[in-house]
PDB file of N, CA and C in Angstrom:
ATOM      1  N   MET A   1      10.493  88.759 111.971  1.00  0.00           N
ATOM      2  CA  MET A   1       9.626  90.157 111.650  1.00  0.00           C
ATOM      3  C   MET A   1       8.386  89.702 111.455  1.00  0.00           C
ATOM      4  N   LYS A   2       7.462  90.447 111.872  1.00  0.00           N
ATOM      5  CA  LYS A   2       5.997  90.047 111.692  1.00  0.00           C
ATOM      6  C   LYS A   2       5.597  90.239 110.317  1.00  0.00           C
ATOM      7  N   THR A   3       4.633  89.563 109.794  1.00  0.00           N
ATOM      8  CA  THR A   3       3.906  89.667 108.697  1.00  0.00           C
ATOM      9  C   THR A   3       2.665  90.782 108.954  1.00  0.00           C
ATOM     10  N   ALA A   4       2.093  90.950 107.965  1.00  0.00           N
ATOM     11  CA  ALA A   4       1.037  91.971 108.004  1.00  0.00           C
ATOM     12  C   ALA A   4      -0.340  91.372 108.742  1.00  0.00           C
ATOM     13  N   LEU A   5      -0.494  90.104 108.575  1.00  0.00           N
ATOM     14  CA  LEU A   5      -1.551  89.065 109.273  1.00  0.00           C
ATOM     15  C   LEU A   5      -1.206  88.865 110.564  1.00  0.00           C
ATOM     16  N   GLU A   6       0.065  88.755 110.848  1.00  0.00           N
ATOM     17  CA  GLU A   6       0.367  88.691 112.430  1.00  0.00           C
ATOM     18  C   GLU A   6       0.306  90.023 113.104  1.00  0.00           C
ATOM     19  N   LEU A   7       0.531  91.024 112.526  1.00  0.00           N
ATOM     20  CA  LEU A   7       0.536  92.458 113.087  1.00  0.00           C
ATOM     21  C   LEU A   7      -1.175  92.794 113.289  1.00  0.00           C
ATOM     22  N   LEU A   8      -1.870  92.340 112.415  1.00  0.00           N
ATOM     23  CA  LEU A   8      -3.380  92.490 112.601  1.00  0.00           C
ATOM     24  C   LEU A   8      -4.076  91.769 113.729  1.00  0.00           C
ATOM     25  N   GLN A   9      -3.453  90.590 113.788  1.00  0.00           N
ATOM     26  CA  GLN A   9      -3.830  89.518 114.908  1.00  0.00           C
ATOM     27  C   GLN A   9      -3.157  90.179 116.119  1.00  0.00           C
ATOM     28  N   SER A  10      -2.379  90.653 116.505  1.00  0.00           N
ATOM     29  CA  SER A  10      -1.692  91.056 117.688  1.00  0.00           C
ATOM     30  C   SER A  10      -2.132  92.261 117.758  1.00  0.00           C
ATOM     31  N   TYR A  11      -2.624  93.270 116.941  1.00  0.00           N
ATOM     32  CA  TYR A  11      -3.374  94.539 117.021  1.00  0.00           C
ATOM     33  C   TYR A  11      -4.860  94.207 117.596  1.00  0.00           C
ATOM     34  N   GLN A  12      -5.318  93.044 117.159  1.00  0.00           N
ATOM     35  CA  GLN A  12      -6.746  92.930 117.916  1.00  0.00           C
ATOM     36  C   GLN A  12      -6.524  92.291 119.122  1.00  0.00           C
ATOM     37  N   ASP A  13      -5.414  91.171 119.471  1.00  0.00           N
ATOM     38  CA  ASP A  13      -5.278  90.881 120.719  1.00  0.00           C
ATOM     39  C   ASP A  13      -4.731  91.711 121.722  1.00  0.00           C
ATOM     40  N   ASN A  14      -4.346  92.928 121.448  1.00  0.00           N
ATOM     41  CA  ASN A  14      -3.899  94.035 122.340  1.00  0.00           C
ATOM     42  C   ASN A  14      -4.679  95.280 122.463  1.00  0.00           C
ATOM     43  N   ILE A  15      -6.259  95.299 121.663  1.00  0.00           N
ATOM     44  CA  ILE A  15      -6.688  96.262 121.679  1.00  0.00           C
ATOM     45  C   ILE A  15      -7.082  96.884 123.155  1.00  0.00           C
ATOM     46  N   ARG A  16      -7.132  96.161 123.843  1.00  0.00           N
ATOM     47  CA  ARG A  16      -7.688  96.665 125.347  1.00  0.00           C
ATOM     48  C   ARG A  16      -6.536  96.930 126.222  1.00  0.00           C
ATOM     49  N   THR A  17      -5.306  97.133 125.471  1.00  0.00           N
ATOM     50  CA  THR A  17      -3.894  97.800 126.261  1.00  0.00           C
ATOM     51  C   THR A  17      -3.599  98.512 125.153  1.00  0.00           C
ATOM     52  N   PRO A  18      -4.034  99.780 125.127  1.00  0.00           N
ATOM     53  CA  PRO A  18      -3.709 100.533 124.066  1.00  0.00           C
ATOM     54  C   PRO A  18      -2.488 100.957 124.059  1.00  0.00           C
ATOM     55  N   ALA A  19      -1.209 100.869 125.013  1.00  0.00           N
ATOM     56  CA  ALA A  19      -0.111 101.344 124.665  1.00  0.00           C
ATOM     57  C   ALA A  19       0.629  99.918 123.960  1.00  0.00           C
ATOM     58  N   ALA A  20       0.341  98.995 124.218  1.00  0.00           N
ATOM     59  CA  ALA A  20       0.849  97.694 123.550  1.00  0.00           C
ATOM     60  C   ALA A  20       0.233  97.667 122.001  1.00  0.00           C
ATOM     61  N   ALA A  21      -1.073  98.044 121.769  1.00  0.00           N
ATOM     62  CA  ALA A  21      -1.600  98.209 120.551  1.00  0.00           C
ATOM     63  C   ALA A  21      -0.953  99.295 119.732  1.00  0.00           C
ATOM     64  N   ALA A  22      -0.548 100.513 120.284  1.00  0.00           N
ATOM     65  CA  ALA A  22       0.125 101.518 119.681  1.00  0.00           C
ATOM     66  C   ALA A  22       1.258 101.214 119.199  1.00  0.00           C
ATOM     67  N   ALA A  23       2.126 100.407 119.970  1.00  0.00           N
ATOM     68  CA  ALA A  23       3.454  99.972 119.930  1.00  0.00           C
ATOM     69  C   ALA A  23       3.716  98.933 118.807  1.00  0.00           C
ATOM     70  N   LEU A  24       2.731  98.574 118.101  1.00  0.00           N
ATOM     71  CA  LEU A  24       2.817  97.702 116.855  1.00  0.00           C
ATOM     72  C   LEU A  24       2.933  98.611 115.625  1.00  0.00           C
ATOM     73  N   PHE A  25       2.694  99.856 115.854  1.00  0.00           N
ATOM     74  CA  PHE A  25       2.860 100.642 114.783  1.00  0.00           C
ATOM     75  C   PHE A  25       4.293 101.269 114.526  1.00  0.00           C
ATOM     76  N   ALA A  26       4.549 101.713 113.259  1.00  0.00           N
ATOM     77  CA  ALA A  26       5.703 102.154 112.877  1.00  0.00           C
ATOM     78  C   ALA A  26       5.872 103.704 113.646  1.00  0.00           C
ATOM     79  N   GLU A  27       6.760 104.459 113.974  1.00  0.00           N
ATOM     80  CA  GLU A  27       6.820 105.783 114.620  1.00  0.00           C
ATOM     81  C   GLU A  27       5.908 106.520 113.785  1.00  0.00           C
ATOM     82  N   ASP A  28       5.889 106.658 112.703  1.00  0.00           N
ATOM     83  CA  ASP A  28       4.926 107.772 111.751  1.00  0.00           C
ATOM     84  C   ASP A  28       3.370 106.769 111.361  1.00  0.00           C
ATOM     85  N   GLY A  29       3.507 105.573 111.943  1.00  0.00           N
ATOM     86  CA  GLY A  29       2.267 104.925 111.474  1.00  0.00           C
ATOM     87  C   GLY A  29       0.816 105.417 111.822  1.00  0.00           C
ATOM     88  N   VAL A  30      -0.370 105.056 111.025  1.00  0.00           N
ATOM     89  CA  VAL A  30      -1.326 105.709 110.886  1.00  0.00           C
ATOM     90  C   VAL A  30      -2.422 104.962 111.551  1.00  0.00           C
ATOM     91  N   LEU A  31      -3.519 105.039 112.313  1.00  0.00           N
ATOM     92  CA  LEU A  31      -4.766 104.489 112.296  1.00  0.00           C
ATOM     93  C   LEU A  31      -5.938 105.294 111.998  1.00  0.00           C
ATOM     94  N   GLU A  32      -6.433 104.903 110.879  1.00  0.00           N
ATOM     95  CA  GLU A  32      -7.507 105.721 110.403  1.00  0.00           C
ATOM     96  C   GLU A  32      -8.816 105.031 110.419  1.00  0.00           C
ATOM     97  N   LEU A  33      -9.881 105.607 110.611  1.00  0.00           N
ATOM     98  CA  LEU A  33     -11.013 105.365 110.419  1.00  0.00           C
ATOM     99  C   LEU A  33     -11.970 106.378 109.464  1.00  0.00           C
ATOM    100  N   PRO A  34     -12.046 106.676 108.356  1.00  0.00           N
ATOM    101  CA  PRO A  34     -12.436 107.765 107.503  1.00  0.00           C
ATOM    102  C   PRO A  34     -14.043 107.855 107.603  1.00  0.00           C
ATOM    103  N   THR A  35     -14.533 106.820 107.715  1.00  0.00           N
ATOM    104  CA  THR A  35     -16.004 106.917 107.530  1.00  0.00           C
ATOM    105  C   THR A  35     -16.472 107.685 109.137  1.00  0.00           C
ATOM    106  N   VAL A  36     -15.591 107.773 110.202  1.00  0.00           N
ATOM    107  CA  VAL A  36     -16.042 108.485 111.407  1.00  0.00           C
ATOM    108  C   VAL A  36     -15.022 109.745 111.754  1.00  0.00           C
ATOM    109  N   LYS A  37     -14.179 109.922 110.500  1.00  0.00           N
ATOM    110  CA  LYS A  37     -13.499 110.993 110.629  1.00  0.00           C
ATOM    111  C   LYS A  37     -12.505 111.126 111.554  1.00  0.00           C
ATOM    112  N   ALA A  38     -11.876 109.801 111.901  1.00  0.00           N
ATOM    113  CA  ALA A  38     -10.803 109.497 112.942  1.00  0.00           C
ATOM    114  C   ALA A  38      -9.542 109.256 112.188  1.00  0.00           C
ATOM    115  N   HIS A  39      -8.329 109.748 112.623  1.00  0.00           N
ATOM    116  CA  HIS A  39      -7.120 109.780 112.312  1.00  0.00           C
ATOM    117  C   HIS A  39      -6.222 109.998 113.263  1.00  0.00           C
ATOM    118  N   ALA A  40      -5.223 108.867 113.547  1.00  0.00           N
ATOM    119  CA  ALA A  40      -4.270 109.365 114.673  1.00  0.00           C
ATOM    120  C   ALA A  40      -3.067 108.698 113.804  1.00  0.00           C
ATOM    121  N   GLN A  41      -1.892 109.762 113.931  1.00  0.00           N
ATOM    122  CA  GLN A  41      -0.470 109.278 113.573  1.00  0.00           C
ATOM    123  C   GLN A  41       0.614 109.369 114.585  1.00  0.00           C
ATOM    124  N   GLY A  42       1.130 108.166 114.831  1.00  0.00           N
ATOM    125  CA  GLY A  42       2.417 108.116 115.858  1.00  0.00           C
ATOM    126  C   GLY A  42       1.873 107.396 117.241  1.00  0.00           C
ATOM    127  N   HIS A  43       2.541 106.963 117.823  1.00  0.00           N
ATOM    128  CA  HIS A  43       2.118 106.025 119.117  1.00  0.00           C
ATOM    129  C   HIS A  43       1.623 106.818 120.059  1.00  0.00           C
ATOM    130  N   ALA A  44       1.589 108.161 120.248  1.00  0.00           N
ATOM    131  CA  ALA A  44       0.950 108.881 121.430  1.00  0.00           C
ATOM    132  C   ALA A  44      -0.292 108.989 120.792  1.00  0.00           C
ATOM    133  N   ALA A  45      -0.656 109.245 119.522  1.00  0.00           N
ATOM    134  CA  ALA A  45      -2.074 109.646 119.045  1.00  0.00           C
ATOM    135  C   ALA A  45      -2.747 108.405 118.766  1.00  0.00           C
ATOM    136  N   ILE A  46      -2.035 107.267 118.591  1.00  0.00           N
ATOM    137  CA  ILE A  46      -2.851 106.144 118.165  1.00  0.00           C
ATOM    138  C   ILE A  46      -3.228 105.347 119.727  1.00  0.00           C
ATOM    139  N   GLU A  47      -2.460 105.731 120.979  1.00  0.00           N
ATOM    140  CA  GLU A  47      -2.803 105.191 122.213  1.00  0.00           C
ATOM    141  C   GLU A  47      -3.841 106.194 122.445  1.00  0.00           C
ATOM    142  N   LYS A  48      -3.796 107.374 122.231  1.00  0.00           N
ATOM    143  CA  LYS A  48      -4.904 108.247 122.930  1.00  0.00           C
ATOM    144  C   LYS A  48      -6.310 108.014 122.257  1.00  0.00           C
ATOM    145  N   LEU A  49      -6.286 107.546 120.825  1.00  0.00           N
ATOM    146  CA  LEU A  49      -7.507 107.498 120.258  1.00  0.00           C
ATOM    147  C   LEU A  49      -8.036 106.047 120.806  1.00  0.00           C
ATOM    148  N   ILE A  50      -7.241 104.856 120.907  1.00  0.00           N
ATOM    149  CA  ILE A  50      -7.606 103.673 121.533  1.00  0.00           C
ATOM    150  C   ILE A  50      -8.383 103.752 122.932  1.00  0.00           C
ATOM    151  N   SER A  51      -7.522 104.604 123.686  1.00  0.00           N
ATOM    152  CA  SER A  51      -8.183 104.950 124.953  1.00  0.00           C
ATOM    153  C   SER A  51      -9.268 105.523 125.252  1.00  0.00           C
ATOM    154  N   GLY A  52      -9.537 106.524 124.250  1.00  0.00           N
ATOM    155  CA  GLY A  52     -10.923 107.424 124.046  1.00  0.00           C
ATOM    156  C   GLY A  52     -11.931 106.239 124.256  1.00  0.00           C
ATOM    157  N   LEU A  53     -11.710 105.413 122.985  1.00  0.00           N
ATOM    158  CA  LEU A  53     -12.634 104.374 122.501  1.00  0.00           C
ATOM    159  C   LEU A  53     -13.182 103.445 123.918  1.00  0.00           C
ATOM    160  N   LEU A  54     -11.988 102.956 124.582  1.00  0.00           N
ATOM    161  CA  LEU A  54     -12.308 102.149 125.623  1.00  0.00           C
ATOM    162  C   LEU A  54     -12.778 102.787 126.892  1.00  0.00           C
ATOM    163  N   ALA A  55     -12.575 104.141 126.849  1.00  0.00           N
ATOM    164  CA  ALA A  55     -13.664 104.915 127.880  1.00  0.00           C
ATOM    165  C   ALA A  55     -14.918 104.817 127.645  1.00  0.00           C
ATOM    166  N   LYS A  56     -15.109 104.861 126.694  1.00  0.00           N
ATOM    167  CA  LYS A  56     -16.659 104.713 126.281  1.00  0.00           C
ATOM    168  C   LYS A  56     -17.155 103.356 126.066  1.00  0.00           C
ATOM    169  N   VAL A  57     -16.363 102.437 125.645  1.00  0.00           N
ATOM    170  CA  VAL A  57     -16.720 100.952 125.481  1.00  0.00           C
ATOM    171  C   VAL A  57     -15.761 100.045 126.202  1.00  0.00           C
ATOM    172  N   PRO A  58     -15.775  99.953 127.472  1.00  0.00           N
ATOM    173  CA  PRO A  58     -14.714  99.219 128.483  1.00  0.00           C
ATOM    174  C   PRO A  58     -14.774  97.895 127.899  1.00  0.00           C
ATOM    175  N   ASP A  59     -15.629  97.196 127.399  1.00  0.00           N
ATOM    176  CA  ASP A  59     -15.631  95.540 127.057  1.00  0.00           C
ATOM    177  C   ASP A  59     -15.167  95.601 125.526  1.00  0.00           C
ATOM    178  N   PHE A  60     -14.942  96.492 124.815  1.00  0.00           N
ATOM    179  CA  PHE A  60     -14.421  96.502 123.509  1.00  0.00           C
ATOM    180  C   PHE A  60     -13.341  95.431 123.038  1.00  0.00           C
ATOM    181  N   ARG A  61     -13.712  94.454 122.340  1.00  0.00           N
ATOM    182  CA  ARG A  61     -12.915  93.461 121.846  1.00  0.00           C
ATOM    183  C   ARG A  61     -13.247  93.066 120.470  1.00  0.00           C
ATOM    184  N   PHE A  62     -12.239  92.713 119.640  1.00  0.00           N
ATOM    185  CA  PHE A  62     -12.745  92.161 118.389  1.00  0.00           C
ATOM    186  C   PHE A  62     -12.734  90.410 118.376  1.00  0.00           C
ATOM    187  N   LYS A  63     -13.755  89.839 117.810  1.00  0.00           N
ATOM    188  CA  LYS A  63     -14.258  88.346 117.484  1.00  0.00           C
ATOM    189  C   LYS A  63     -14.363  88.643 115.951  1.00  0.00           C
ATOM    190  N   ASN A  64     -14.399  87.298 115.564  1.00  0.00           N
ATOM    191  CA  ASN A  64     -14.874  86.750 114.321  1.00  0.00           C
ATOM    192  C   ASN A  64     -14.118  87.288 113.297  1.00  0.00           C
ATOM    193  N   PHE A  65     -12.829  86.984 113.162  1.00  0.00           N
ATOM    194  CA  PHE A  65     -11.963  87.445 112.380  1.00  0.00           C
ATOM    195  C   PHE A  65     -11.934  86.786 111.044  1.00  0.00           C
ATOM    196  N   LYS A  66     -12.222  87.277 109.852  1.00  0.00           N
ATOM    197  CA  LYS A  66     -12.097  86.752 108.642  1.00  0.00           C
ATOM    198  C   LYS A  66     -11.190  87.385 108.008  1.00  0.00           C
ATOM    199  N   VAL A  67     -10.132  86.718 107.257  1.00  0.00           N
ATOM    200  CA  VAL A  67      -9.192  87.279 106.237  1.00  0.00           C
ATOM    201  C   VAL A  67      -9.466  86.793 104.887  1.00  0.00           C
ATOM    202  N   TRP A  68      -9.568  88.192 104.244  1.00  0.00           N
ATOM    203  CA  TRP A  68     -10.037  87.779 102.619  1.00  0.00           C
ATOM    204  C   TRP A  68      -8.723  88.267 101.849  1.00  0.00           C
ATOM    205  N   ILE A  69      -7.893  89.000 102.201  1.00  0.00           N
ATOM    206  CA  ILE A  69      -6.304  89.129 101.363  1.00  0.00           C
ATOM    207  C   ILE A  69      -5.444  88.939 102.267  1.00  0.00           C
ATOM    208  N   ASP A  70      -4.465  88.055 102.125  1.00  0.00           N
ATOM    209  CA  ASP A  70      -3.306  88.119 102.876  1.00  0.00           C
ATOM    210  C   ASP A  70      -1.709  87.842 102.032  1.00  0.00           C
ATOM    211  N   THR A  71      -1.246  88.992 102.262  1.00  0.00           N
ATOM    212  CA  THR A  71       0.489  89.175 101.563  1.00  0.00           C
ATOM    213  C   THR A  71       1.180  89.212 102.812  1.00  0.00           C
ATOM    214  N   PRO A  72       2.623  89.087 102.537  1.00  0.00           N
ATOM    215  CA  PRO A  72       3.392  89.479 103.645  1.00  0.00           C
ATOM    216  C   PRO A  72       3.272  90.881 104.304  1.00  0.00           C
ATOM    217  N   ASP A  73       2.975  91.981 103.217  1.00  0.00           N
ATOM    218  CA  ASP A  73       2.759  93.399 103.694  1.00  0.00           C
ATOM    219  C   ASP A  73       1.562  93.902 103.686  1.00  0.00           C
ATOM    220  N   LYS A  74       0.546  93.215 103.396  1.00  0.00           N
ATOM    221  CA  LYS A  74      -0.628  93.463 103.214  1.00  0.00           C
ATOM    222  C   LYS A  74      -1.828  92.703 103.534  1.00  0.00           C
ATOM    223  N   VAL A  75      -2.892  92.983 104.606  1.00  0.00           N
ATOM    224  CA  VAL A  75      -3.701  92.008 104.752  1.00  0.00           C
ATOM    225  C   VAL A  75      -5.107  92.952 104.661  1.00  0.00           C
ATOM    226  N   PHE A  76      -6.095  92.092 104.482  1.00  0.00           N
ATOM    227  CA  PHE A  76      -7.301  92.635 104.280  1.00  0.00           C
ATOM    228  C   PHE A  76      -8.642  91.820 105.144  1.00  0.00           C
ATOM    229  N   GLY A  77      -9.043  92.177 106.074  1.00  0.00           N
ATOM    230  CA  GLY A  77     -10.243  91.231 106.804  1.00  0.00           C
ATOM    231  C   GLY A  77     -11.318  91.993 107.320  1.00  0.00           C
ATOM    232  N   GLU A  78     -12.323  91.211 107.661  1.00  0.00           N
ATOM    233  CA  GLU A  78     -13.496  91.799 108.799  1.00  0.00           C
ATOM    234  C   GLU A  78     -13.389  91.045 110.067  1.00  0.00           C
ATOM    235  N   TYR A  79     -13.962  91.721 110.889  1.00  0.00           N
ATOM    236  CA  TYR A  79     -13.793  91.643 112.344  1.00  0.00           C
ATOM    237  C   TYR A  79     -14.969  92.263 113.110  1.00  0.00           C
ATOM    238  N   SER A  80     -15.494  91.591 114.042  1.00  0.00           N
ATOM    239  CA  SER A  80     -16.810  92.431 114.818  1.00  0.00           C
ATOM    240  C   SER A  80     -16.378  92.697 116.245  1.00  0.00           C
ATOM    241  N   VAL A  81     -17.503  93.458 116.651  1.00  0.00           N
ATOM    242  CA  VAL A  81     -17.553  93.892 118.085  1.00  0.00           C
ATOM    243  C   VAL A  81     -18.834  93.896 118.398  1.00  0.00           C
ATOM    244  N   GLU A  82     -18.891  93.399 119.588  1.00  0.00           N
ATOM    245  CA  GLU A  82     -20.164  93.454 120.241  1.00  0.00           C
ATOM    246  C   GLU A  82     -20.340  93.864 121.909  1.00  0.00           C
ATOM    247  N   ALA A  83     -20.333  95.203 122.319  1.00  0.00           N
ATOM    248  CA  ALA A  83     -19.890  95.288 123.454  1.00  0.00           C
ATOM    249  C   ALA A  83     -20.889  96.427 123.779  1.00  0.00           C
ATOM    250  N   LEU A  84     -20.913  96.860 125.281  1.00  0.00           N
ATOM    251  CA  LEU A  84     -21.793  98.077 125.709  1.00  0.00           C
ATOM    252  C   LEU A  84     -21.374  99.332 125.814  1.00  0.00           C
ATOM    253  N   VAL A  85     -22.033 100.316 125.301  1.00  0.00           N
ATOM    254  CA  VAL A  85     -21.372 101.492 125.137  1.00  0.00           C
ATOM    255  C   VAL A  85     -21.798 102.264 126.477  1.00  0.00           C
ATOM    256  N   VAL A  86     -21.262 102.623 127.673  1.00  0.00           N
ATOM    257  CA  VAL A  86     -21.367 102.752 129.093  1.00  0.00           C
ATOM    258  C   VAL A  86     -22.575 104.094 128.966  1.00  0.00           C
ATOM    259  N   ASP A  87     -22.234 105.184 128.183  1.00  0.00           N
ATOM    260  CA  ASP A  87     -22.979 106.350 128.412  1.00  0.00           C
ATOM    261  C   ASP A  87     -24.366 105.951 127.748  1.00  0.00           C
ATOM    262  N   THR A  88     -24.851 105.342 126.977  1.00  0.00           N
ATOM    263  CA  THR A  88     -25.966 105.131 126.388  1.00  0.00           C
ATOM    264  C   THR A  88     -26.866 103.741 126.932  1.00  0.00           C
ATOM    265  N   GLY A  89     -26.083 102.765 127.407  1.00  0.00           N
ATOM    266  CA  GLY A  89     -26.972 101.613 127.650  1.00  0.00           C
ATOM    267  C   GLY A  89     -26.784 101.188 126.621  1.00  0.00           C
ATOM    268  N   LYS A  90     -26.498 100.845 125.511  1.00  0.00           N
ATOM    269  CA  LYS A  90     -26.952 100.279 124.435  1.00  0.00           C
ATOM    270  C   LYS A  90     -25.593  99.444 124.026  1.00  0.00           C
ATOM    271  N   ILE A  91     -26.042  98.426 123.101  1.00  0.00           N
ATOM    272  CA  ILE A  91     -24.910  97.340 122.566  1.00  0.00           C
ATOM    273  C   ILE A  91     -24.431  97.826 121.300  1.00  0.00           C
ATOM    274  N   TYR A  92     -23.129  98.031 121.392  1.00  0.00           N
ATOM    275  CA  TYR A  92     -22.664  98.611 119.930  1.00  0.00           C
ATOM    276  C   TYR A  92     -22.146  97.238 119.421  1.00  0.00           C
ATOM    277  N   GLU A  93     -22.787  96.969 118.474  1.00  0.00           N
ATOM    278  CA  GLU A  93     -22.673  95.838 117.407  1.00  0.00           C
ATOM    279  C   GLU A  93     -22.036  96.487 115.917  1.00  0.00           C
ATOM    280  N   GLN A  94     -21.037  95.967 115.617  1.00  0.00           N
ATOM    281  CA  GLN A  94     -20.264  96.661 114.477  1.00  0.00           C
ATOM    282  C   GLN A  94     -19.319  95.599 113.771  1.00  0.00           C
ATOM    283  N   THR A  95     -19.344  95.454 112.564  1.00  0.00           N
ATOM    284  CA  THR A  95     -18.331  94.874 111.729  1.00  0.00           C
ATOM    285  C   THR A  95     -17.423  95.859 110.964  1.00  0.00           C
ATOM    286  N   TYR A  96     -16.175  95.517 111.394  1.00  0.00           N
ATOM    287  CA  TYR A  96     -14.986  96.629 110.607  1.00  0.00           C
ATOM    288  C   TYR A  96     -14.704  95.704 109.501  1.00  0.00           C
ATOM    289  N   ALA A  97     -14.356  96.464 108.525  1.00  0.00           N
ATOM    290  CA  ALA A  97     -13.346  96.094 107.250  1.00  0.00           C
ATOM    291  C   ALA A  97     -12.024  96.741 107.443  1.00  0.00           C
ATOM    292  N   GLY A  98     -10.848  96.217 107.316  1.00  0.00           N
ATOM    293  CA  GLY A  98      -9.643  96.949 107.848  1.00  0.00           C
ATOM    294  C   GLY A  98      -8.896  96.330 106.792  1.00  0.00           C
ATOM    295  N   VAL A  99      -7.695  97.142 106.229  1.00  0.00           N
ATOM    296  CA  VAL A  99      -6.671  96.817 105.433  1.00  0.00           C
ATOM    297  C   VAL A  99      -5.631  97.548 106.158  1.00  0.00           C
ATOM    298  N   LEU A 100      -4.585  96.694 106.351  1.00  0.00           N
ATOM    299  CA  LEU A 100      -3.093  97.005 107.143  1.00  0.00           C
ATOM    300  C   LEU A 100      -2.125  96.915 106.199  1.00  0.00           C
ATOM    301  N   ILE A 101      -1.352  97.650 106.090  1.00  0.00           N
ATOM    302  CA  ILE A 101       0.020  97.561 105.199  1.00  0.00           C
ATOM    303  C   ILE A 101       1.089  97.744 106.193  1.00  0.00           C
ATOM    304  N   ALA A 102       1.793  96.733 106.284  1.00  0.00           N
ATOM    305  CA  ALA A 102       2.902  96.719 107.210  1.00  0.00           C
ATOM    306  C   ALA A 102       4.357  96.953 106.460  1.00  0.00           C
ATOM    307  N   GLU A 103       5.378  97.531 106.950  1.00  0.00           N
ATOM    308  CA  GLU A 103       6.598  97.984 106.763  1.00  0.00           C
ATOM    309  C   GLU A 103       7.410  97.665 107.966  1.00  0.00           C
ATOM    310  N   GLY A 104       8.620  97.095 107.443  1.00  0.00           N
ATOM    311  CA  GLY A 104       9.716  96.512 108.492  1.00  0.00           C
ATOM    312  C   GLY A 104       9.202  95.961 109.684  1.00  0.00           C
ATOM    313  N   GLY A 105       8.159  95.296 109.428  1.00  0.00           N
ATOM    314  CA  GLY A 105       7.734  94.726 110.694  1.00  0.00           C
ATOM    315  C   GLY A 105       6.582  95.167 111.831  1.00  0.00           C
ATOM    316  N   LYS A 106       6.383  96.336 111.340  1.00  0.00           N
ATOM    317  CA  LYS A 106       5.550  97.338 111.917  1.00  0.00           C
ATOM    318  C   LYS A 106       4.505  97.780 111.182  1.00  0.00           C
ATOM    319  N   ILE A 107       3.209  98.279 111.688  1.00  0.00           N
ATOM    320  CA  ILE A 107       2.128  98.740 110.939  1.00  0.00           C
ATOM    321  C   ILE A 107       2.411 100.226 110.530  1.00  0.00           C
ATOM    322  N   LYS A 108       2.248 100.157 109.067  1.00  0.00           N
ATOM    323  CA  LYS A 108       2.440 101.775 108.257  1.00  0.00           C
ATOM    324  C   LYS A 108       1.214 102.499 108.501  1.00  0.00           C
ATOM    325  N   LEU A 109       0.012 101.381 107.839  1.00  0.00           N
ATOM    326  CA  LEU A 109      -1.355 102.006 107.858  1.00  0.00           C
ATOM    327  C   LEU A 109      -2.026 101.086 108.180  1.00  0.00           C
ATOM    328  N   LEU A 110      -3.442 101.189 108.996  1.00  0.00           N
ATOM    329  CA  LEU A 110      -4.355 100.494 109.350  1.00  0.00           C
ATOM    330  C   LEU A 110      -5.752 101.396 109.185  1.00  0.00           C
ATOM    331  N   ARG A 111      -6.269 101.168 108.048  1.00  0.00           N
ATOM    332  CA  ARG A 111      -7.731 102.017 107.797  1.00  0.00           C
ATOM    333  C   ARG A 111      -8.797 101.226 107.948  1.00  0.00           C
ATOM    334  N   GLU A 112      -9.670 101.313 108.647  1.00  0.00           N
ATOM    335  CA  GLU A 112     -10.756 100.562 108.901  1.00  0.00           C
ATOM    336  C   GLU A 112     -12.281 101.431 108.319  1.00  0.00           C
ATOM    337  N   ALA A 113     -13.019 100.509 107.894  1.00  0.00           N
ATOM    338  CA  ALA A 113     -14.476 101.091 107.557  1.00  0.00           C
ATOM    339  C   ALA A 113     -15.311 100.397 108.452  1.00  0.00           C
ATOM    340  N   LEU A 114     -16.612 101.088 108.739  1.00  0.00           N
ATOM    341  CA  LEU A 114     -17.334 100.396 109.554  1.00  0.00           C
ATOM    342  C   LEU A 114     -18.806 100.992 109.263  1.00  0.00           C
ATOM    343  N   ASP A 115     -19.714 100.551 109.768  1.00  0.00           N
ATOM    344  CA  ASP A 115     -21.105 100.978 109.548  1.00  0.00           C
ATOM    345  C   ASP A 115     -21.545 102.197 110.403  1.00  0.00           C
ATOM    346  N   THR A 116     -21.676 103.309 109.892  1.00  0.00           N
ATOM    347  CA  THR A 116     -21.707 104.426 110.783  1.00  0.00           C
ATOM    348  C   THR A 116     -23.197 104.498 111.163  1.00  0.00           C
ATOM    349  N   ALA A 117     -24.143 104.043 110.552  1.00  0.00           N
ATOM    350  CA  ALA A 117     -25.601 104.028 111.209  1.00  0.00           C
ATOM    351  C   ALA A 117     -25.708 103.218 112.406  1.00  0.00           C
ATOM    352  N   ALA A 118     -24.843 101.878 112.777  1.00  0.00           N
ATOM    353  CA  ALA A 118     -24.748 101.222 113.583  1.00  0.00           C
ATOM    354  C   ALA A 118     -24.019 101.867 114.775  1.00  0.00           C
ATOM    355  N   ALA A 119     -23.081 102.575 114.463  1.00  0.00           N
ATOM    356  CA  ALA A 119     -22.469 103.412 115.541  1.00  0.00           C
ATOM    357  C   ALA A 119     -23.290 104.407 115.933  1.00  0.00           C
ATOM    358  N   ALA A 120     -23.845 105.171 115.269  1.00  0.00           N
ATOM    359  CA  ALA A 120     -24.609 106.319 115.734  1.00  0.00           C
ATOM    360  C   ALA A 120     -25.985 105.948 116.590  1.00  0.00           C
ATOM    361  N   ARG A 121     -26.482 104.705 116.065  1.00  0.00           N
ATOM    362  CA  ARG A 121     -27.434 104.223 116.980  1.00  0.00           C
ATOM    363  C   ARG A 121     -27.037 103.667 118.434  1.00  0.00           C
ATOM    364  N   ALA A 122     -25.959 102.889 118.360  1.00  0.00           N
ATOM    365  CA  ALA A 122     -25.177 102.662 119.726  1.00  0.00           C
ATOM    366  C   ALA A 122     -24.823 103.967 120.768  1.00  0.00           C
ATOM    367  N   PHE A 123     -24.261 104.881 120.126  1.00  0.00           N
ATOM    368  CA  PHE A 123     -23.721 106.140 120.648  1.00  0.00           C
ATOM    369  C   PHE A 123     -24.580 107.041 120.991  1.00  0.00           C
ATOM    370  N   SER A 124     -25.759 107.235 120.540  1.00  0.00           N
ATOM    371  CA  SER A 124     -26.765 108.356 120.592  1.00  0.00           C
ATOM    372  C   SER A 124     -27.484 107.912 121.891  1.00  0.00           C
ATOM    373  N   LYS A 125     -27.763 109.096 122.329  1.00  0.00           N
ATOM    374  CA  LYS A 125     -28.662 109.057 123.655  1.00  0.00           C
ATOM    375  C   LYS A 125     -29.869 109.441 123.417  1.00  0.00           C
ATOM    376  N   ASP A 126     -31.027 108.587 122.999  1.00  0.00           N
ATOM    377  CA  ASP A 126     -32.091 109.192 122.841  1.00  0.00           C
ATOM    378  C   ASP A 126     -33.250 108.290 123.450  1.00  0.00           C
TER     379      ASP A 126
END
């Protein structure tokens, strides 16, 4: 059974394959980014959320993973992204802070915070 840390690492490794990333979640698992009002529950909704992001930022991938808290069922860390936003031609530079709660070897909740100003700059057409 995967630990919370192993699940977060697998999520990051599979982010460019939405179905594989979504499969890491429990049937009623949740991926949420409350600062941008994104909330997806269940495999199909999580896959759709990730696919939508990849449509806008095809080279989206996580790097520079730092773990701050690590227990078998909870992990908290920071990780970054630097990739081109196709619609704006701008680079999306972001550091996420994510907490993952695992249950039964699956992701029950992955809640991520991000710098909304950096996101707005990258995604705005100005």
